[in-house]
Amino acid sequence: MKKLIILPLVALILLGCSQPNTQQEADSKILQDEDLKKFREMVRNALPNSDLVQFHQQEGECGELSFRDKSTNEMKHRRFIVVNKNIVLIERRQIDQEYFDLSWRNACRDYFG
């Protein structure tokens, strides 16, 4: 009789341990979304036409964007890295391509391989 009581109890405990904590996952998702918004705002502040920016494939502080270049009026597609709130690297804007590629490999390899 004891085995019949203990077995369902153990099964319930194991079942409870295997289910993810949905509240914790939801909180984590909210924090990720807030971080993405914060990083996007930093990137917008680094561009002259910040209202014309579109973000693509953003993972954390790394991603891709499109923006309309004021001088040529054409859409530019670039990768970006947010280093900190004062430093945003945008491909082919501030630094040589070689240095940007090195920075991308170091900062973004977890997201983009």
N, C-alpha and C. Protein backbone atom coordinates (compact mmCIF):
# COMPACT_ATOMS: atom_id res chain seq x y z
N MET A 1 0.82 -1.19 0.00
CA MET A 1 0.00 0.00 0.00
C MET A 1 0.86 1.26 0.00
N LYS A 2 1.98 1.21 0.76
CA LYS A 2 2.87 2.37 0.81
C LYS A 2 3.46 2.66 -0.56
N LYS A 3 3.77 1.59 -1.32
CA LYS A 3 4.33 1.77 -2.66
C LYS A 3 3.33 2.46 -3.58
N LEU A 4 2.06 2.16 -3.41
CA LEU A 4 1.03 2.78 -4.24
C LEU A 4 0.90 4.27 -3.95
N ILE A 5 1.17 4.67 -2.73
CA ILE A 5 1.09 6.09 -2.37
C ILE A 5 2.36 6.82 -2.77
N ILE A 6 3.50 6.19 -2.56
CA ILE A 6 4.79 6.82 -2.83
C ILE A 6 5.01 6.99 -4.33
N LEU A 7 4.64 6.02 -5.13
CA LEU A 7 4.87 6.08 -6.57
C LEU A 7 4.18 7.29 -7.23
N PRO A 8 2.89 7.53 -6.99
CA PRO A 8 2.28 8.73 -7.58
C PRO A 8 2.89 10.03 -7.04
N LEU A 9 3.29 10.02 -5.78
CA LEU A 9 3.90 11.21 -5.20
C LEU A 9 5.22 11.53 -5.89
N VAL A 10 6.04 10.52 -6.12
CA VAL A 10 7.31 10.70 -6.82
C VAL A 10 7.05 11.17 -8.26
N ALA A 11 6.04 10.59 -8.91
CA ALA A 11 5.71 10.99 -10.28
C ALA A 11 5.30 12.46 -10.33
N LEU A 12 4.53 12.92 -9.37
CA LEU A 12 4.12 14.32 -9.32
C LEU A 12 5.31 15.25 -9.11
N ILE A 13 6.21 14.84 -8.25
CA ILE A 13 7.41 15.66 -7.99
C ILE A 13 8.25 15.77 -9.26
N LEU A 14 8.46 14.64 -9.94
CA LEU A 14 9.25 14.66 -11.17
C LEU A 14 8.55 15.46 -12.26
N LEU A 15 7.26 15.35 -12.35
CA LEU A 15 6.50 16.11 -13.34
C LEU A 15 6.61 17.61 -13.07
N GLY A 16 6.55 17.98 -11.83
CA GLY A 16 6.69 19.39 -11.46
C GLY A 16 8.07 19.93 -11.76
N CYS A 17 9.09 19.10 -11.61
CA CYS A 17 10.46 19.54 -11.88
C CYS A 17 10.72 19.68 -13.38
N SER A 18 10.04 18.88 -14.19
CA SER A 18 10.34 18.90 -15.61
C SER A 18 9.62 20.01 -16.36
N GLN A 19 8.59 20.58 -15.78
CA GLN A 19 7.87 21.65 -16.46
C GLN A 19 8.59 22.98 -16.25
N PRO A 20 8.75 23.74 -17.33
CA PRO A 20 9.44 25.03 -17.19
C PRO A 20 8.59 26.02 -16.41
N ASN A 21 9.25 26.91 -15.75
CA ASN A 21 8.57 27.96 -15.00
C ASN A 21 8.15 29.03 -16.00
N THR A 22 6.88 29.02 -16.36
CA THR A 22 6.42 29.92 -17.41
C THR A 22 6.51 31.38 -16.99
N GLN A 23 6.32 31.68 -15.71
CA GLN A 23 6.44 33.06 -15.25
C GLN A 23 7.88 33.54 -15.39
N GLN A 24 8.82 32.67 -15.04
CA GLN A 24 10.24 33.03 -15.15
C GLN A 24 10.62 33.24 -16.62
N GLU A 25 10.10 32.38 -17.51
CA GLU A 25 10.37 32.55 -18.94
C GLU A 25 9.75 33.84 -19.46
N ALA A 26 8.55 34.16 -19.01
CA ALA A 26 7.89 35.40 -19.44
C ALA A 26 8.68 36.62 -18.97
N ASP A 27 9.16 36.59 -17.73
CA ASP A 27 9.97 37.70 -17.22
C ASP A 27 11.25 37.86 -18.02
N SER A 28 11.88 36.73 -18.36
CA SER A 28 13.11 36.76 -19.15
C SER A 28 12.84 37.36 -20.53
N LYS A 29 11.73 36.99 -21.14
CA LYS A 29 11.36 37.51 -22.46
C LYS A 29 11.12 39.02 -22.39
N ILE A 30 10.48 39.49 -21.32
CA ILE A 30 10.24 40.92 -21.15
C ILE A 30 11.57 41.67 -21.04
N LEU A 31 12.51 41.11 -20.27
CA LEU A 31 13.82 41.74 -20.14
C LEU A 31 14.55 41.77 -21.47
N GLN A 32 14.47 40.69 -22.24
CA GLN A 32 15.11 40.66 -23.56
C GLN A 32 14.51 41.73 -24.47
N ASP A 33 13.19 41.84 -24.47
CA ASP A 33 12.53 42.85 -25.31
C ASP A 33 12.94 44.26 -24.89
N GLU A 34 13.04 44.49 -23.59
CA GLU A 34 13.47 45.81 -23.11
C GLU A 34 14.90 46.11 -23.54
N ASP A 35 15.77 45.10 -23.47
CA ASP A 35 17.16 45.27 -23.91
C ASP A 35 17.21 45.60 -25.41
N LEU A 36 16.43 44.88 -26.22
CA LEU A 36 16.41 45.13 -27.66
C LEU A 36 15.97 46.56 -27.94
N LYS A 37 14.94 47.02 -27.25
CA LYS A 37 14.47 48.40 -27.44
C LYS A 37 15.55 49.40 -27.05
N LYS A 38 16.24 49.11 -25.95
CA LYS A 38 17.30 50.00 -25.48
C LYS A 38 18.43 50.06 -26.51
N PHE A 39 18.84 48.90 -27.05
CA PHE A 39 19.90 48.86 -28.05
C PHE A 39 19.47 49.59 -29.33
N ARG A 40 18.22 49.41 -29.72
CA ARG A 40 17.72 50.08 -30.93
C ARG A 40 17.74 51.60 -30.76
N GLU A 41 17.39 52.07 -29.59
CA GLU A 41 17.42 53.51 -29.34
C GLU A 41 18.85 54.04 -29.43
N MET A 42 19.82 53.27 -28.92
CA MET A 42 21.22 53.68 -29.01
C MET A 42 21.67 53.77 -30.47
N VAL A 43 21.24 52.81 -31.29
CA VAL A 43 21.59 52.82 -32.71
C VAL A 43 20.94 54.01 -33.40
N ARG A 44 19.69 54.26 -33.11
CA ARG A 44 18.99 55.41 -33.71
C ARG A 44 19.71 56.72 -33.39
N ASN A 45 20.20 56.83 -32.16
CA ASN A 45 20.92 58.05 -31.77
C ASN A 45 22.22 58.22 -32.54
N ALA A 46 22.76 57.14 -33.08
CA ALA A 46 24.03 57.20 -33.82
C ALA A 46 23.83 57.53 -35.30
N LEU A 47 22.59 57.55 -35.77
CA LEU A 47 22.30 57.80 -37.18
C LEU A 47 21.62 59.15 -37.37
N PRO A 48 21.91 59.83 -38.48
CA PRO A 48 21.30 61.14 -38.71
C PRO A 48 19.80 61.08 -39.00
N ASN A 49 19.34 60.08 -39.73
CA ASN A 49 17.91 59.94 -40.06
C ASN A 49 17.31 58.81 -39.24
N SER A 50 17.27 59.00 -37.95
CA SER A 50 16.88 57.91 -37.06
C SER A 50 15.45 57.44 -37.25
N ASP A 51 14.59 58.29 -37.79
CA ASP A 51 13.20 57.88 -38.00
C ASP A 51 13.03 56.97 -39.21
N LEU A 52 14.07 56.85 -40.03
CA LEU A 52 14.01 56.02 -41.23
C LEU A 52 14.77 54.71 -41.08
N VAL A 53 14.99 54.25 -39.86
CA VAL A 53 15.75 53.03 -39.60
C VAL A 53 14.81 51.85 -39.46
N GLN A 54 15.18 50.73 -40.10
CA GLN A 54 14.46 49.47 -39.94
C GLN A 54 15.45 48.43 -39.43
N PHE A 55 15.07 47.67 -38.42
CA PHE A 55 15.95 46.67 -37.83
C PHE A 55 15.58 45.29 -38.34
N HIS A 56 16.63 44.46 -38.56
CA HIS A 56 16.45 43.09 -39.04
C HIS A 56 17.36 42.18 -38.23
N GLN A 57 16.93 40.99 -37.96
CA GLN A 57 17.76 39.95 -37.34
C GLN A 57 18.57 40.47 -36.17
N GLN A 58 17.95 41.13 -35.24
CA GLN A 58 18.68 41.63 -34.08
C GLN A 58 18.70 40.57 -32.99
N GLU A 59 19.88 40.30 -32.48
CA GLU A 59 20.08 39.41 -31.35
C GLU A 59 20.96 40.14 -30.35
N GLY A 60 20.39 40.53 -29.24
CA GLY A 60 21.15 41.26 -28.24
C GLY A 60 21.68 42.56 -28.80
N GLU A 61 22.97 42.78 -28.62
CA GLU A 61 23.58 44.04 -29.06
C GLU A 61 24.03 44.01 -30.51
N CYS A 62 23.76 42.93 -31.22
CA CYS A 62 24.19 42.78 -32.61
C CYS A 62 22.98 42.65 -33.53
N GLY A 63 23.14 43.10 -34.76
CA GLY A 63 22.05 42.93 -35.70
C GLY A 63 22.32 43.59 -37.03
N GLU A 64 21.27 43.67 -37.81
CA GLU A 64 21.34 44.31 -39.12
C GLU A 64 20.27 45.39 -39.18
N LEU A 65 20.53 46.40 -39.99
CA LEU A 65 19.56 47.48 -40.13
C LEU A 65 19.56 48.00 -41.55
N SER A 66 18.51 48.69 -41.88
CA SER A 66 18.39 49.42 -43.14
C SER A 66 18.09 50.86 -42.78
N PHE A 67 18.70 51.78 -43.51
CA PHE A 67 18.41 53.19 -43.28
C PHE A 67 18.57 53.95 -44.59
N ARG A 68 17.87 55.03 -44.70
CA ARG A 68 17.95 55.86 -45.90
C ARG A 68 19.06 56.88 -45.71
N ASP A 69 20.02 56.83 -46.63
CA ASP A 69 21.13 57.77 -46.59
C ASP A 69 20.64 59.12 -47.11
N LYS A 70 20.83 60.14 -46.31
CA LYS A 70 20.32 61.47 -46.65
C LYS A 70 20.98 62.03 -47.91
N SER A 71 22.27 61.77 -48.10
CA SER A 71 22.98 62.36 -49.24
C SER A 71 22.62 61.70 -50.57
N THR A 72 22.42 60.38 -50.57
CA THR A 72 22.14 59.68 -51.83
C THR A 72 20.69 59.24 -51.95
N ASN A 73 19.95 59.32 -50.87
CA ASN A 73 18.54 58.93 -50.82
C ASN A 73 18.33 57.46 -51.16
N GLU A 74 19.33 56.63 -50.93
CA GLU A 74 19.17 55.20 -51.18
C GLU A 74 19.22 54.44 -49.86
N MET A 75 18.60 53.27 -49.85
CA MET A 75 18.59 52.45 -48.64
C MET A 75 19.94 51.76 -48.48
N LYS A 76 20.49 51.86 -47.31
CA LYS A 76 21.74 51.19 -46.97
C LYS A 76 21.42 50.04 -46.02
N HIS A 77 22.04 48.90 -46.25
CA HIS A 77 21.88 47.74 -45.38
C HIS A 77 23.21 47.49 -44.70
N ARG A 78 23.21 47.50 -43.39
CA ARG A 78 24.46 47.39 -42.63
C ARG A 78 24.26 46.54 -41.38
N ARG A 79 25.37 45.97 -40.92
CA ARG A 79 25.38 45.32 -39.61
C ARG A 79 25.74 46.35 -38.56
N PHE A 80 25.34 46.09 -37.32
CA PHE A 80 25.70 47.01 -36.24
C PHE A 80 26.04 46.24 -34.98
N ILE A 81 26.82 46.90 -34.12
CA ILE A 81 27.18 46.37 -32.81
C ILE A 81 27.05 47.51 -31.81
N VAL A 82 26.32 47.28 -30.74
CA VAL A 82 26.25 48.26 -29.66
C VAL A 82 27.31 47.86 -28.64
N VAL A 83 28.35 48.67 -28.53
CA VAL A 83 29.44 48.38 -27.59
C VAL A 83 29.04 48.85 -26.19
N ASN A 84 28.57 50.07 -26.10
CA ASN A 84 28.00 50.62 -24.87
C ASN A 84 27.10 51.78 -25.26
N LYS A 85 26.56 52.49 -24.28
CA LYS A 85 25.58 53.53 -24.63
C LYS A 85 26.17 54.68 -25.45
N ASN A 86 27.49 54.83 -25.43
CA ASN A 86 28.14 55.91 -26.18
C ASN A 86 28.84 55.44 -27.45
N ILE A 87 28.95 54.13 -27.64
CA ILE A 87 29.68 53.60 -28.80
C ILE A 87 28.81 52.59 -29.54
N VAL A 88 28.45 52.94 -30.76
CA VAL A 88 27.71 52.05 -31.65
C VAL A 88 28.51 51.95 -32.94
N LEU A 89 28.88 50.73 -33.29
CA LEU A 89 29.62 50.51 -34.54
C LEU A 89 28.63 50.13 -35.63
N ILE A 90 28.66 50.84 -36.73
CA ILE A 90 27.81 50.54 -37.87
C ILE A 90 28.73 50.27 -39.06
N GLU A 91 28.53 49.14 -39.66
CA GLU A 91 29.38 48.69 -40.76
C GLU A 91 29.54 49.78 -41.82
N ARG A 92 30.79 49.99 -42.23
CA ARG A 92 31.18 50.95 -43.27
C ARG A 92 30.82 52.39 -42.94
N ARG A 93 30.81 52.73 -41.66
CA ARG A 93 30.55 54.13 -41.29
C ARG A 93 31.71 54.73 -40.51
N GLN A 94 32.09 54.16 -39.39
CA GLN A 94 33.11 54.80 -38.56
C GLN A 94 34.49 54.15 -38.65
N ILE A 95 34.52 52.86 -38.90
CA ILE A 95 35.80 52.15 -38.86
C ILE A 95 36.00 51.34 -40.14
N ASP A 96 37.25 50.93 -40.35
CA ASP A 96 37.57 50.10 -41.51
C ASP A 96 36.80 48.79 -41.45
N GLN A 97 36.52 48.23 -42.61
CA GLN A 97 35.77 46.98 -42.68
C GLN A 97 36.48 45.85 -41.94
N GLU A 98 37.80 45.82 -42.03
CA GLU A 98 38.58 44.78 -41.36
C GLU A 98 38.35 44.81 -39.85
N TYR A 99 38.37 45.99 -39.27
CA TYR A 99 38.16 46.13 -37.82
C TYR A 99 36.71 45.83 -37.44
N PHE A 100 35.78 46.22 -38.30
CA PHE A 100 34.38 45.91 -38.01
C PHE A 100 34.18 44.40 -38.03
N ASP A 101 34.72 43.72 -39.04
CA ASP A 101 34.58 42.26 -39.13
C ASP A 101 35.17 41.57 -37.90
N LEU A 102 36.31 42.04 -37.44
CA LEU A 102 36.92 41.49 -36.23
C LEU A 102 36.02 41.72 -35.02
N SER A 103 35.49 42.91 -34.90
CA SER A 103 34.58 43.22 -33.79
C SER A 103 33.32 42.36 -33.86
N TRP A 104 32.79 42.18 -35.07
CA TRP A 104 31.59 41.37 -35.27
C TRP A 104 31.84 39.93 -34.84
N ARG A 105 32.98 39.37 -35.28
CA ARG A 105 33.30 37.98 -34.91
C ARG A 105 33.42 37.83 -33.40
N ASN A 106 34.01 38.81 -32.74
CA ASN A 106 34.20 38.71 -31.29
C ASN A 106 32.92 38.97 -30.50
N ALA A 107 32.14 39.95 -30.90
CA ALA A 107 30.97 40.34 -30.12
C ALA A 107 29.71 39.56 -30.49
N CYS A 108 29.63 39.08 -31.73
CA CYS A 108 28.36 38.55 -32.22
C CYS A 108 28.41 37.07 -32.59
N ARG A 109 29.50 36.40 -32.36
CA ARG A 109 29.61 35.01 -32.80
C ARG A 109 28.60 34.09 -32.12
N ASP A 110 28.20 34.41 -30.87
CA ASP A 110 27.20 33.58 -30.19
C ASP A 110 25.84 33.67 -30.88
N TYR A 111 25.57 34.78 -31.53
CA TYR A 111 24.28 34.99 -32.18
C TYR A 111 24.29 34.59 -33.65
N PHE A 112 25.39 34.93 -34.34
CA PHE A 112 25.41 34.77 -35.79
C PHE A 112 26.50 33.83 -36.29
N GLY A 113 27.11 33.08 -35.40
CA GLY A 113 28.08 32.08 -35.80
C GLY A 113 29.35 32.58 -36.24
